[in-house]
């Protein structure tokens, strides 16, 4: 016990938790499970960062790959909490179904997530640092096929890494660029599923925006370039006339964070509109932001339509808007256990 305590203290001293970037840091263990002969096997614990993979695995050739992003939070009571893990399990199942992979049962999903977090408990950042333990469940087609068809074998892996804010600005206004010369997904494609191909497609816009000095791209609908879809790897929302507005589109990912913010907005007495949002409406919004697991909420201070030269300005005083701030503080407070979880979103695991 004394040895374990010493190792935990050494890890706690190793990191500058308050300045931790959003990136990969090696932890001690990951967990794995294989689907074979029509059923899932037992969970296995590994200390390897590598996966033995057949050269003809369908994840490499035909894009049979899906993943989730979620976090574990350490509260001031030192307890470790998961936020809406069941929604992550459901979304991975929808993604698996969307590209014809074996679904991971919710019970197996939770068992794997809980096990990997507790095996790496010393990497869960201390309360008050703004950092958290990022959890990456991933499902890949590991069976060999030559010919476009689903695999017969799948591998489910969950690893974790401590992270800081997704955007280096933290909860401060970011600058976004509208990108018109690429799309992250087609309307009837895989945009509603959390699969790697969407992120590969988004790299062109992401790099273009970053080279122009912006944090992320804003994608418009691929048909007309008229309506707002997503902010890179996050959903978009806006505040106007005491209303929370967020795009409805057949090609965007259903964000669990956005889903939660919609409920919190209603709790605060705001109206909610989920509908197509024309890019021309940007000029009428009082507050705008990006939301997702990685960023929680990133208020947006500027949106530059690079192709037209139109620039939309928000946060004129350099600070996030009042409603965005209230939503952010409420959601984070629930995640860390500081605010009463009346919706039953939090699961304490340690």
Foldseek 3Di string as FASTA:
>chain_A
DVVVVVVLVVLLVVDPLLQFAADFDQFQWKKKWKQAPNGIDDIDIDRDPDDDFDPQFCCVPPQQKFKFKWWWAQFPVRFIKTFQVVVRLVQQQVQCVQQVHDRDDSVNSVVRVLVQCVVRVSQAHDPPSQKTKMKMWMKGRRAGDDDPDGHNMMMIMMHIGIHHANFSVAQFAFEEEEDDPFALAALPGSLQHRGPSSLVRQVVQQVVQVVVPGRFYWYAHNPPSWFTAATRQFFKWFDAPLEIEGEDGSRHYDAPLVVVLCVVSVVVVGHYYYYTHTPVCLQRTAWMWTDHNRRSTHTHAWYAHPVVRDIRGYPVVRGHDPSSVVSSCVVVCVSNVNDDPPVPRMDGSD
